[in-house]
């Protein structure tokens, strides 16, 4: 009839390990910071980011951020096409692997050819052109009349590298510029140039 009682033991329940936010593909210019993030639920979470280059196996990244929820590094040309994933472990030793995400390095955005001033007669085509380097370029030409603010042009060519329109007298002295954006959302603005509209009478004036 003797009895003895053991020590008390505590039962602790931990949240099930699961990934709630997957990393996304990243497109950035060479020399910029690539950033990948994962969100997970669980207890005592630990992170290990891995990378995979074409025709190679997965390996742990040596970046200082490779054991955090947000992984970042300065890109080089070699990182183009590199795959990234994160292995998340909890305090019980369970692990889960995120989806793979891709790193794409884009050419740095820059303008290589500025537009020039344009002098044409009324009713003729004014033409302005910009040259730029980068990835996934988009163009938006803007105009500015005297004492007014810059506004996007409504011309059908206002979203192309070469902007043209049929001139009217009101265009004389109008300023023109182009905003160029790349696939990463970076933008750069061209030099401002002027439209000089010459009346037909002045255009046809004989040279003395």
N, C-alpha and C. Protein backbone atom coordinates (compact mmCIF):
# COMPACT_ATOMS: atom_id res chain seq x y z
N UNK A 1 0.81 -1.21 0.00
CA UNK A 1 0.00 0.00 0.00
C UNK A 1 0.84 1.27 0.00
N UNK A 2 2.19 1.08 -0.05
CA UNK A 2 3.04 2.27 -0.10
C UNK A 2 2.91 2.96 -1.47
N UNK A 3 3.13 4.24 -1.50
CA UNK A 3 3.06 4.99 -2.77
C UNK A 3 4.14 6.05 -2.81
N UNK A 4 4.49 6.41 -3.97
CA UNK A 4 5.48 7.46 -4.15
C UNK A 4 5.08 8.30 -5.35
N UNK A 5 5.37 9.54 -5.29
CA UNK A 5 4.96 10.47 -6.36
C UNK A 5 6.19 11.02 -7.07
N UNK A 6 6.16 10.96 -8.37
CA UNK A 6 7.28 11.48 -9.17
C UNK A 6 7.32 12.99 -9.13
N UNK A 7 8.42 13.51 -9.67
CA UNK A 7 8.49 14.95 -9.87
C UNK A 7 7.47 15.37 -10.92
N UNK A 8 7.13 16.61 -10.90
CA UNK A 8 6.21 17.13 -11.90
C UNK A 8 6.96 17.34 -13.22
N UNK A 9 6.27 17.13 -14.30
CA UNK A 9 6.83 17.41 -15.63
C UNK A 9 5.88 18.32 -16.37
N UNK A 10 6.42 19.18 -17.15
CA UNK A 10 5.61 20.18 -17.84
C UNK A 10 5.45 19.83 -19.31
N UNK A 11 4.25 19.94 -19.80
CA UNK A 11 3.98 19.72 -21.22
C UNK A 11 3.86 21.06 -21.91
N UNK A 12 4.70 21.32 -22.88
CA UNK A 12 4.65 22.58 -23.62
C UNK A 12 4.33 22.29 -25.08
N UNK A 13 3.36 22.99 -25.60
CA UNK A 13 3.01 22.82 -27.01
C UNK A 13 3.61 23.98 -27.79
N UNK A 14 4.21 23.69 -28.89
CA UNK A 14 4.81 24.72 -29.73
C UNK A 14 4.03 24.82 -31.04
N UNK A 15 4.08 26.02 -31.61
CA UNK A 15 3.38 26.24 -32.87
C UNK A 15 4.01 25.37 -33.96
N UNK A 16 3.15 24.80 -34.80
CA UNK A 16 3.64 23.95 -35.89
C UNK A 16 4.49 24.78 -36.83
N UNK A 17 5.58 24.21 -37.28
CA UNK A 17 6.49 24.90 -38.19
C UNK A 17 5.86 24.99 -39.57
N UNK A 18 5.78 26.22 -40.09
CA UNK A 18 5.27 26.39 -41.46
C UNK A 18 5.74 27.73 -42.01
N UNK A 19 5.89 27.76 -43.32
CA UNK A 19 6.26 29.00 -44.01
C UNK A 19 4.99 29.73 -44.41
N UNK A 20 4.91 31.00 -44.05
CA UNK A 20 3.72 31.80 -44.34
C UNK A 20 3.98 32.86 -45.41
N UNK A 21 5.23 33.07 -45.75
CA UNK A 21 5.58 34.03 -46.80
C UNK A 21 6.80 33.58 -47.57
N UNK A 22 6.62 33.32 -48.86
CA UNK A 22 7.69 32.79 -49.69
C UNK A 22 8.56 33.91 -50.26
N UNK A 23 9.84 33.65 -50.51
CA UNK A 23 10.69 34.65 -51.17
C UNK A 23 10.25 34.86 -52.62
N UNK A 24 10.50 36.04 -53.13
CA UNK A 24 10.12 36.39 -54.51
C UNK A 24 11.36 36.59 -55.37
N UNK A 25 11.18 36.44 -56.68
CA UNK A 25 12.27 36.71 -57.62
C UNK A 25 12.73 38.16 -57.46
N UNK A 26 13.99 38.40 -57.76
CA UNK A 26 14.57 39.73 -57.57
C UNK A 26 15.34 40.14 -58.81
N UNK A 27 15.05 41.35 -59.32
CA UNK A 27 15.78 41.90 -60.47
C UNK A 27 16.42 43.21 -60.03
N UNK A 28 17.73 43.28 -60.03
CA UNK A 28 18.44 44.48 -59.61
C UNK A 28 19.66 44.72 -60.49
N UNK A 29 20.11 45.98 -60.60
CA UNK A 29 21.32 46.25 -61.37
C UNK A 29 22.55 45.67 -60.68
N UNK A 30 23.56 45.34 -61.45
CA UNK A 30 24.83 44.87 -60.89
C UNK A 30 25.38 45.93 -59.95
N UNK A 31 25.84 45.50 -58.78
CA UNK A 31 26.38 46.42 -57.79
C UNK A 31 25.37 46.89 -56.77
N UNK A 32 24.09 46.55 -56.98
CA UNK A 32 23.04 46.91 -56.03
C UNK A 32 22.77 45.75 -55.08
N UNK A 33 21.92 45.99 -54.09
CA UNK A 33 21.59 44.97 -53.11
C UNK A 33 20.41 44.12 -53.59
N UNK A 34 20.64 42.81 -53.68
CA UNK A 34 19.54 41.87 -53.92
C UNK A 34 18.98 41.50 -52.56
N UNK A 35 17.67 41.35 -52.48
CA UNK A 35 17.04 41.09 -51.18
C UNK A 35 15.97 40.02 -51.33
N UNK A 36 16.03 39.01 -50.47
CA UNK A 36 15.04 37.94 -50.44
C UNK A 36 14.57 37.77 -48.99
N UNK A 37 13.28 37.55 -48.81
CA UNK A 37 12.74 37.43 -47.46
C UNK A 37 11.81 36.24 -47.36
N UNK A 38 11.81 35.60 -46.19
CA UNK A 38 10.91 34.48 -45.91
C UNK A 38 10.21 34.76 -44.59
N UNK A 39 8.96 34.35 -44.48
CA UNK A 39 8.22 34.46 -43.23
C UNK A 39 7.82 33.06 -42.79
N UNK A 40 7.99 32.78 -41.49
CA UNK A 40 7.66 31.44 -40.99
C UNK A 40 7.08 31.53 -39.59
N UNK A 41 6.33 30.50 -39.22
CA UNK A 41 5.77 30.38 -37.87
C UNK A 41 6.35 29.14 -37.22
N UNK A 42 6.59 29.22 -35.93
CA UNK A 42 7.15 28.10 -35.20
C UNK A 42 7.87 28.60 -33.96
N UNK A 43 8.56 27.72 -33.27
CA UNK A 43 9.28 28.06 -32.04
C UNK A 43 10.78 27.90 -32.22
N UNK A 44 11.53 28.92 -31.80
CA UNK A 44 12.99 28.85 -31.88
C UNK A 44 13.50 28.70 -33.29
N UNK A 45 12.99 29.52 -34.18
CA UNK A 45 13.32 29.38 -35.60
C UNK A 45 14.76 29.76 -35.92
N UNK A 46 15.36 28.98 -36.80
CA UNK A 46 16.69 29.25 -37.33
C UNK A 46 16.62 29.18 -38.85
N UNK A 47 17.38 30.06 -39.50
CA UNK A 47 17.32 30.18 -40.96
C UNK A 47 18.68 29.86 -41.59
N UNK A 48 18.62 29.25 -42.75
CA UNK A 48 19.83 29.02 -43.54
C UNK A 48 19.49 29.19 -45.02
N UNK A 49 19.99 30.27 -45.60
CA UNK A 49 19.77 30.50 -47.02
C UNK A 49 20.81 29.73 -47.83
N UNK A 50 20.33 29.19 -48.95
CA UNK A 50 21.19 28.44 -49.85
C UNK A 50 21.10 29.03 -51.24
N UNK A 51 22.16 28.83 -52.02
CA UNK A 51 22.20 29.34 -53.39
C UNK A 51 22.59 28.21 -54.34
N UNK A 52 22.17 28.37 -55.58
CA UNK A 52 22.48 27.37 -56.60
C UNK A 52 22.76 28.07 -57.92
N UNK A 53 23.98 27.93 -58.40
CA UNK A 53 24.35 28.46 -59.70
C UNK A 53 24.05 27.42 -60.78
N UNK A 54 23.87 27.84 -62.03
CA UNK A 54 23.59 26.89 -63.11
C UNK A 54 24.61 25.75 -63.14
N UNK A 55 24.09 24.53 -63.26
CA UNK A 55 24.90 23.31 -63.34
C UNK A 55 25.70 23.01 -62.07
N UNK A 56 25.30 23.61 -60.96
CA UNK A 56 25.93 23.33 -59.67
C UNK A 56 24.88 22.87 -58.67
N UNK A 57 25.34 22.40 -57.51
CA UNK A 57 24.43 21.93 -56.47
C UNK A 57 24.12 23.05 -55.48
N UNK A 58 23.09 22.83 -54.67
CA UNK A 58 22.75 23.79 -53.63
C UNK A 58 23.87 23.82 -52.59
N UNK A 59 24.17 25.04 -52.11
CA UNK A 59 25.17 25.17 -51.05
C UNK A 59 24.78 26.35 -50.15
N UNK A 60 25.20 26.27 -48.90
CA UNK A 60 24.90 27.34 -47.96
C UNK A 60 25.61 28.63 -48.37
N UNK A 61 24.88 29.74 -48.29
CA UNK A 61 25.48 31.03 -48.60
C UNK A 61 26.41 31.46 -47.47
N UNK A 62 27.47 32.15 -47.83
CA UNK A 62 28.40 32.66 -46.82
C UNK A 62 28.14 34.10 -46.43
N UNK A 63 27.03 34.67 -46.92
CA UNK A 63 26.69 36.05 -46.60
C UNK A 63 26.40 36.20 -45.11
N UNK A 64 26.67 37.38 -44.58
CA UNK A 64 26.42 37.64 -43.16
C UNK A 64 24.93 37.61 -42.84
N UNK A 65 24.08 37.73 -43.86
CA UNK A 65 22.62 37.71 -43.63
C UNK A 65 22.01 36.35 -43.96
N UNK A 66 22.85 35.35 -44.24
CA UNK A 66 22.34 34.04 -44.69
C UNK A 66 21.67 33.24 -43.59
N UNK A 67 21.76 33.69 -42.33
CA UNK A 67 21.10 32.98 -41.23
C UNK A 67 20.02 33.84 -40.59
N UNK A 68 19.48 34.76 -41.37
CA UNK A 68 18.39 35.61 -40.92
C UNK A 68 17.19 35.42 -41.84
N UNK A 69 16.05 35.99 -41.45
CA UNK A 69 14.84 35.85 -42.27
C UNK A 69 14.94 36.64 -43.57
N UNK A 70 15.77 37.67 -43.58
CA UNK A 70 15.96 38.48 -44.77
C UNK A 70 17.41 38.36 -45.25
N UNK A 71 17.55 37.88 -46.45
CA UNK A 71 18.87 37.59 -47.03
C UNK A 71 19.19 38.65 -48.07
N UNK A 72 20.35 39.29 -47.94
CA UNK A 72 20.74 40.32 -48.91
C UNK A 72 22.23 40.24 -49.19
N UNK A 73 22.59 40.72 -50.37
CA UNK A 73 24.00 40.72 -50.78
C UNK A 73 24.16 41.67 -51.95
N UNK A 74 25.40 42.10 -52.17
CA UNK A 74 25.71 42.99 -53.29
C UNK A 74 25.91 42.15 -54.55
N UNK A 75 25.17 42.47 -55.58
CA UNK A 75 25.18 41.63 -56.79
C UNK A 75 26.40 41.86 -57.66
N UNK A 76 26.79 40.79 -58.33
CA UNK A 76 27.82 40.81 -59.38
C UNK A 76 27.20 40.14 -60.61
N UNK A 77 27.88 40.25 -61.73
CA UNK A 77 27.37 39.64 -62.95
C UNK A 77 27.12 38.15 -62.82
N UNK A 78 27.96 37.47 -62.03
CA UNK A 78 27.83 36.02 -61.86
C UNK A 78 26.53 35.60 -61.19
N UNK A 79 25.87 36.53 -60.51
CA UNK A 79 24.64 36.19 -59.79
C UNK A 79 23.42 36.10 -60.71
N UNK A 80 23.57 36.52 -61.96
CA UNK A 80 22.44 36.47 -62.88
C UNK A 80 22.01 35.02 -63.11
N UNK A 81 20.76 34.71 -62.80
CA UNK A 81 20.23 33.36 -62.97
C UNK A 81 20.42 32.46 -61.76
N UNK A 82 21.07 32.96 -60.73
CA UNK A 82 21.28 32.17 -59.51
C UNK A 82 19.96 31.95 -58.78
N UNK A 83 19.76 30.72 -58.28
CA UNK A 83 18.56 30.40 -57.51
C UNK A 83 18.85 30.51 -56.02
N UNK A 84 17.82 30.85 -55.27
CA UNK A 84 17.93 31.06 -53.83
C UNK A 84 16.78 30.34 -53.13
N UNK A 85 17.05 29.77 -51.96
CA UNK A 85 15.99 29.18 -51.14
C UNK A 85 16.42 29.26 -49.67
N UNK A 86 15.46 29.06 -48.77
CA UNK A 86 15.77 29.13 -47.35
C UNK A 86 15.27 27.87 -46.62
N UNK A 87 16.13 27.28 -45.80
CA UNK A 87 15.75 26.16 -44.95
C UNK A 87 15.49 26.71 -43.55
N UNK A 88 14.28 26.49 -43.05
CA UNK A 88 13.91 26.99 -41.73
C UNK A 88 13.77 25.80 -40.78
N UNK A 89 14.41 25.89 -39.62
CA UNK A 89 14.33 24.83 -38.62
C UNK A 89 13.75 25.39 -37.33
N UNK A 90 13.02 24.52 -36.58
CA UNK A 90 12.50 24.95 -35.28
C UNK A 90 13.27 24.30 -34.14
N UNK A 91 12.85 24.60 -32.91
CA UNK A 91 13.57 24.12 -31.73
C UNK A 91 13.52 22.61 -31.58
N UNK A 92 12.55 21.96 -32.24
CA UNK A 92 12.41 20.51 -32.15
C UNK A 92 13.23 19.78 -33.21
N UNK A 93 13.88 20.53 -34.08
CA UNK A 93 14.69 19.93 -35.13
C UNK A 93 13.94 19.70 -36.43
N UNK A 94 12.66 20.09 -36.46
CA UNK A 94 11.90 19.99 -37.70
C UNK A 94 12.41 21.04 -38.69
N UNK A 95 12.28 20.76 -39.96
CA UNK A 95 12.73 21.72 -40.97
C UNK A 95 11.75 21.79 -42.12
N UNK A 96 11.73 22.93 -42.77
CA UNK A 96 10.90 23.14 -43.95
C UNK A 96 11.70 24.02 -44.91
N UNK A 97 11.54 23.76 -46.19
CA UNK A 97 12.30 24.49 -47.21
C UNK A 97 11.37 25.40 -48.02
N UNK A 98 11.78 26.62 -48.20
CA UNK A 98 10.98 27.58 -48.96
C UNK A 98 10.98 27.24 -50.44
N UNK A 99 10.14 27.95 -51.17
CA UNK A 99 10.19 27.88 -52.63
C UNK A 99 11.50 28.48 -53.12
N UNK A 100 11.89 28.11 -54.31
CA UNK A 100 13.07 28.71 -54.92
C UNK A 100 12.71 30.07 -55.51
N UNK A 101 13.64 31.00 -55.44
CA UNK A 101 13.47 32.32 -56.06
C UNK A 101 14.70 32.59 -56.91
N UNK A 102 14.52 33.41 -57.92
CA UNK A 102 15.60 33.65 -58.89
C UNK A 102 16.16 35.06 -58.75
N UNK A 103 17.48 35.15 -58.85
CA UNK A 103 18.16 36.44 -58.86
C UNK A 103 18.55 36.78 -60.30
N UNK A 104 18.07 37.92 -60.77
CA UNK A 104 18.44 38.39 -62.11
C UNK A 104 19.14 39.73 -61.98
N UNK A 105 20.32 39.83 -62.56
CA UNK A 105 21.05 41.09 -62.50
C UNK A 105 20.80 41.87 -63.78
N UNK A 106 20.39 43.10 -63.61
CA UNK A 106 20.07 43.95 -64.75
C UNK A 106 21.22 44.90 -65.03
N UNK A 107 21.29 45.33 -66.27
CA UNK A 107 22.29 46.33 -66.65
C UNK A 107 21.95 47.64 -65.96
N UNK A 108 22.92 48.32 -65.42
CA UNK A 108 22.69 49.58 -64.72
C UNK A 108 22.03 50.59 -65.65
N UNK A 109 21.02 51.30 -65.14
CA UNK A 109 20.29 52.28 -65.94
C UNK A 109 21.12 53.54 -66.14
N UNK A 110 21.25 53.95 -67.40
CA UNK A 110 21.94 55.21 -67.68
C UNK A 110 21.54 55.72 -69.05
N UNK A 111 21.60 57.03 -69.20
CA UNK A 111 21.31 57.66 -70.48
C UNK A 111 22.61 57.83 -71.24
N UNK A 112 22.63 57.33 -72.47
CA UNK A 112 23.84 57.39 -73.29
C UNK A 112 23.73 58.40 -74.43
N UNK A 113 22.52 58.89 -74.68
CA UNK A 113 22.31 59.88 -75.72
C UNK A 113 21.19 60.83 -75.34
N UNK A 114 21.53 62.11 -75.14
CA UNK A 114 20.55 63.10 -74.71
C UNK A 114 19.79 63.68 -75.90
N UNK A 115 18.54 64.10 -75.67
CA UNK A 115 17.79 64.77 -76.74
C UNK A 115 18.42 66.13 -77.04
N UNK A 116 18.12 66.65 -78.23
CA UNK A 116 18.66 67.94 -78.66
C UNK A 116 17.53 68.92 -78.93
N UNK A 117 17.85 70.22 -78.90
CA UNK A 117 16.87 71.23 -79.27
C UNK A 117 16.41 70.99 -80.70
N UNK A 118 15.17 71.39 -80.98
CA UNK A 118 14.60 71.14 -82.30
C UNK A 118 14.00 72.43 -82.85
N UNK A 119 14.38 72.80 -84.07
CA UNK A 119 13.84 73.98 -84.74
C UNK A 119 13.14 73.55 -86.01
N UNK A 120 11.83 73.77 -86.08
CA UNK A 120 11.04 73.38 -87.25
C UNK A 120 9.97 74.43 -87.52
N UNK A 121 9.40 74.37 -88.70
CA UNK A 121 8.34 75.30 -89.06
C UNK A 121 7.00 74.81 -88.52
N UNK A 122 6.07 75.72 -88.34
CA UNK A 122 4.73 75.37 -87.88
C UNK A 122 4.11 74.35 -88.82
N UNK A 123 3.51 73.30 -88.26
CA UNK A 123 2.87 72.27 -89.06
C UNK A 123 3.78 71.11 -89.41
N UNK A 124 5.06 71.26 -89.11
CA UNK A 124 6.02 70.17 -89.36
C UNK A 124 6.13 69.28 -88.13
N UNK A 125 6.86 68.19 -88.29
CA UNK A 125 7.07 67.25 -87.18
C UNK A 125 8.30 67.65 -86.36
N UNK A 126 8.07 67.87 -85.08
CA UNK A 126 9.20 68.06 -84.15
C UNK A 126 9.59 66.67 -83.66
N UNK A 127 10.88 66.45 -83.51
CA UNK A 127 11.36 65.12 -83.15
C UNK A 127 12.46 65.22 -82.09
N UNK A 128 12.29 64.45 -81.02
CA UNK A 128 13.27 64.38 -79.94
C UNK A 128 13.57 62.92 -79.65
N UNK A 129 14.83 62.60 -79.41
CA UNK A 129 15.20 61.20 -79.19
C UNK A 129 16.13 61.08 -77.98
N UNK A 130 15.99 59.98 -77.26
CA UNK A 130 16.86 59.68 -76.13
C UNK A 130 17.39 58.26 -76.29
N UNK A 131 18.62 58.04 -75.87
CA UNK A 131 19.19 56.69 -75.88
C UNK A 131 19.55 56.32 -74.45
N UNK A 132 19.21 55.09 -74.06
CA UNK A 132 19.48 54.65 -72.69
C UNK A 132 19.87 53.18 -72.66
N UNK A 133 20.57 52.80 -71.61
CA UNK A 133 20.93 51.41 -71.38
C UNK A 133 20.29 50.95 -70.07
N UNK A 134 19.90 49.69 -70.05
CA UNK A 134 19.26 49.13 -68.86
C UNK A 134 18.41 47.95 -69.26
N UNK A 135 17.63 47.45 -68.32
CA UNK A 135 16.77 46.29 -68.56
C UNK A 135 15.31 46.67 -68.44
N UNK A 136 14.51 46.25 -69.43
CA UNK A 136 13.07 46.51 -69.38
C UNK A 136 12.73 47.99 -69.37
N UNK A 137 13.35 48.75 -70.25
CA UNK A 137 13.19 50.20 -70.24
C UNK A 137 11.80 50.67 -70.65
N UNK A 138 11.32 51.69 -69.94
CA UNK A 138 10.06 52.36 -70.27
C UNK A 138 10.32 53.86 -70.34
N UNK A 139 9.63 54.51 -71.28
CA UNK A 139 9.88 55.93 -71.51
C UNK A 139 8.61 56.75 -71.26
N UNK A 140 8.81 57.95 -70.74
CA UNK A 140 7.70 58.90 -70.59
C UNK A 140 8.23 60.30 -70.86
N UNK A 141 7.81 60.84 -72.00
CA UNK A 141 8.19 62.21 -72.34
C UNK A 141 7.27 63.19 -71.65
N UNK A 142 7.87 64.28 -71.18
CA UNK A 142 7.11 65.33 -70.52
C UNK A 142 7.37 66.66 -71.21
N UNK A 143 6.39 67.56 -71.08
CA UNK A 143 6.52 68.89 -71.67
C UNK A 143 6.24 69.95 -70.62
N UNK A 144 6.79 71.14 -70.87
CA UNK A 144 6.59 72.26 -69.94
C UNK A 144 6.48 73.54 -70.73
N UNK A 145 5.30 74.16 -70.63
CA UNK A 145 5.08 75.45 -71.27
C UNK A 145 5.51 76.55 -70.30
N UNK A 146 5.79 77.75 -70.80
CA UNK A 146 6.21 78.84 -69.92
C UNK A 146 5.21 79.06 -68.78
N UNK A 147 5.72 79.22 -67.56
CA UNK A 147 4.92 79.47 -66.35
C UNK A 147 4.00 78.32 -65.98
N UNK A 148 4.28 77.14 -66.50
CA UNK A 148 3.49 75.95 -66.14
C UNK A 148 4.42 74.87 -65.59
N UNK A 149 3.82 73.81 -65.05
CA UNK A 149 4.60 72.71 -64.50
C UNK A 149 4.81 71.62 -65.55
N UNK A 150 5.73 70.73 -65.27
CA UNK A 150 5.95 69.59 -66.15
C UNK A 150 4.73 68.69 -66.12
N UNK A 151 4.37 68.17 -67.30
CA UNK A 151 3.27 67.21 -67.38
C UNK A 151 3.56 66.19 -68.48
N UNK A 152 3.00 65.00 -68.32
CA UNK A 152 3.19 63.96 -69.32
C UNK A 152 2.55 64.35 -70.63
N UNK A 153 3.24 64.12 -71.72
CA UNK A 153 2.69 64.39 -73.04
C UNK A 153 1.63 63.35 -73.39
N UNK A 154 0.63 63.78 -74.12
CA UNK A 154 -0.42 62.87 -74.56
C UNK A 154 -0.19 62.33 -75.96
N UNK A 155 0.95 62.63 -76.54
CA UNK A 155 1.27 62.15 -77.89
C UNK A 155 1.37 60.63 -77.91
N UNK A 156 1.04 60.05 -79.05
CA UNK A 156 1.12 58.58 -79.19
C UNK A 156 2.55 58.09 -79.10
N UNK A 157 3.52 58.98 -79.30
CA UNK A 157 4.93 58.58 -79.25
C UNK A 157 5.58 58.94 -77.91
N UNK A 158 4.79 59.39 -76.95
CA UNK A 158 5.35 59.89 -75.68
C UNK A 158 5.89 58.79 -74.79
N UNK A 159 5.64 57.54 -75.13
CA UNK A 159 6.15 56.42 -74.32
C UNK A 159 7.15 55.58 -75.12
N UNK A 160 7.78 56.22 -76.09
CA UNK A 160 8.81 55.56 -76.90
C UNK A 160 10.12 56.34 -76.77
N UNK A 161 11.19 55.77 -77.30
CA UNK A 161 12.49 56.43 -77.21
C UNK A 161 12.56 57.67 -78.10
N UNK A 162 11.73 57.71 -79.14
CA UNK A 162 11.69 58.86 -80.05
C UNK A 162 10.32 59.51 -79.98
N UNK A 163 10.30 60.75 -79.59
CA UNK A 163 9.07 61.51 -79.36
C UNK A 163 8.88 62.50 -80.50
N UNK A 164 7.70 62.47 -81.13
CA UNK A 164 7.44 63.39 -82.23
C UNK A 164 5.99 63.86 -82.18
N UNK A 165 5.76 65.03 -82.75
CA UNK A 165 4.40 65.59 -82.79
C UNK A 165 4.36 66.68 -83.86
N UNK A 166 3.15 66.97 -84.33
CA UNK A 166 2.96 68.03 -85.31
C UNK A 166 2.91 69.37 -84.58
N UNK A 167 3.74 70.29 -84.98
CA UNK A 167 3.89 71.54 -84.24
C UNK A 167 2.79 72.56 -84.55
N UNK A 168 2.54 73.36 -83.50
CA UNK A 168 1.66 74.52 -83.61
C UNK A 168 2.42 75.70 -83.03
N UNK A 169 1.88 76.89 -83.24
CA UNK A 169 2.56 78.08 -82.73
C UNK A 169 2.77 78.04 -81.23
N UNK A 170 1.83 77.44 -80.50
CA UNK A 170 1.92 77.40 -79.03
C UNK A 170 3.12 76.59 -78.53
N UNK A 171 3.68 75.76 -79.39
CA UNK A 171 4.80 74.92 -78.98
C UNK A 171 6.13 75.68 -78.94
N UNK A 172 6.14 76.92 -79.46
CA UNK A 172 7.39 77.66 -79.48
C UNK A 172 7.86 77.95 -78.05
N UNK A 173 9.08 77.55 -77.74
CA UNK A 173 9.64 77.76 -76.40
C UNK A 173 9.30 76.67 -75.41
N UNK A 174 8.51 75.71 -75.84
CA UNK A 174 8.15 74.60 -74.95
C UNK A 174 9.38 73.76 -74.63
N UNK A 175 9.51 73.36 -73.36
CA UNK A 175 10.60 72.49 -72.95
C UNK A 175 10.16 71.03 -72.99
N UNK A 176 11.11 70.17 -73.24
CA UNK A 176 10.84 68.74 -73.37
C UNK A 176 11.90 67.96 -72.60
N UNK A 177 11.50 66.88 -71.95
CA UNK A 177 12.44 65.97 -71.28
C UNK A 177 11.84 64.57 -71.27
N UNK A 178 12.67 63.57 -70.97
CA UNK A 178 12.19 62.19 -70.94
C UNK A 178 12.59 61.52 -69.62
N UNK A 179 11.64 60.84 -68.99
CA UNK A 179 11.90 60.04 -67.80
C UNK A 179 12.00 58.58 -68.25
N UNK A 180 13.13 57.96 -67.97
CA UNK A 180 13.36 56.56 -68.35
C UNK A 180 13.37 55.70 -67.09
N UNK A 181 12.60 54.63 -67.10
CA UNK A 181 12.55 53.71 -65.96
C UNK A 181 12.97 52.31 -66.40
N UNK A 182 13.58 51.56 -65.47
CA UNK A 182 13.95 50.18 -65.79
C UNK A 182 13.05 49.19 -65.05
N UNK A 183 13.31 47.90 -65.25
CA UNK A 183 12.46 46.86 -64.68
C UNK A 183 12.48 46.83 -63.16
N UNK A 184 13.51 47.43 -62.56
CA UNK A 184 13.62 47.45 -61.10
C UNK A 184 12.93 48.65 -60.48
N UNK A 185 12.38 49.53 -61.33
CA UNK A 185 11.71 50.72 -60.81
C UNK A 185 12.62 51.93 -60.67
N UNK A 186 13.90 51.79 -61.04
CA UNK A 186 14.81 52.93 -61.01
C UNK A 186 14.45 53.88 -62.15
N UNK A 187 14.70 55.15 -61.95
CA UNK A 187 14.38 56.12 -63.00
C UNK A 187 15.50 57.14 -63.14
N UNK A 188 15.57 57.72 -64.33
CA UNK A 188 16.56 58.75 -64.63
C UNK A 188 15.91 59.73 -65.59
N UNK A 189 16.27 60.99 -65.47
CA UNK A 189 15.64 62.03 -66.29
C UNK A 189 16.68 62.61 -67.25
N UNK A 190 16.27 62.77 -68.49
CA UNK A 190 17.17 63.32 -69.51
C UNK A 190 17.36 64.82 -69.31
N UNK A 191 18.23 65.38 -70.11
CA UNK A 191 18.40 66.83 -70.13
C UNK A 191 17.13 67.48 -70.69
N UNK A 192 16.90 68.74 -70.32
CA UNK A 192 15.78 69.49 -70.88
C UNK A 192 16.21 70.11 -72.21
N UNK A 193 15.32 70.06 -73.18
CA UNK A 193 15.61 70.68 -74.47
C UNK A 193 14.40 71.51 -74.89
N UNK A 194 14.61 72.34 -75.90
CA UNK A 194 13.57 73.31 -76.28
C UNK A 194 13.09 73.09 -77.71
N UNK A 195 11.79 73.33 -77.89
CA UNK A 195 11.19 73.33 -79.23
C UNK A 195 11.13 74.77 -79.73
N UNK A 196 11.78 75.04 -80.85
CA UNK A 196 11.75 76.36 -81.48
C UNK A 196 10.90 76.27 -82.73
N UNK A 197 9.74 76.92 -82.68
CA UNK A 197 8.80 76.85 -83.80
C UNK A 197 8.91 78.13 -84.62
N UNK A 198 9.20 77.97 -85.88
CA UNK A 198 9.41 79.10 -86.77
C UNK A 198 8.21 79.24 -87.69
N UNK A 199 7.70 80.46 -87.81
CA UNK A 199 6.55 80.68 -88.68
C UNK A 199 6.94 80.41 -90.13
N UNK A 200 5.95 80.08 -90.94
CA UNK A 200 6.22 79.78 -92.34
C UNK A 200 6.87 80.97 -93.03
N UNK A 201 6.41 82.19 -92.67
CA UNK A 201 6.95 83.39 -93.29
C UNK A 201 8.44 83.53 -92.98
N UNK A 202 8.80 83.33 -91.70
CA UNK A 202 10.21 83.44 -91.32
C UNK A 202 11.04 82.32 -91.94
N UNK A 203 10.42 81.11 -92.00
CA UNK A 203 11.14 79.95 -92.53
C UNK A 203 11.51 80.16 -93.99
N UNK A 204 10.60 80.84 -94.73
CA UNK A 204 10.81 81.01 -96.17
C UNK A 204 11.51 82.32 -96.51
N UNK A 205 11.90 83.08 -95.48
CA UNK A 205 12.57 84.35 -95.72
C UNK A 205 13.88 84.11 -96.47
N UNK A 206 14.09 84.79 -97.60
CA UNK A 206 15.31 84.55 -98.39
C UNK A 206 16.56 85.01 -97.65
N UNK A 207 17.66 84.35 -97.91
CA UNK A 207 18.94 84.72 -97.32
C UNK A 207 19.51 85.90 -98.11
N UNK A 208 19.86 86.97 -97.42
CA UNK A 208 20.37 88.17 -98.08
C UNK A 208 21.88 88.08 -98.23
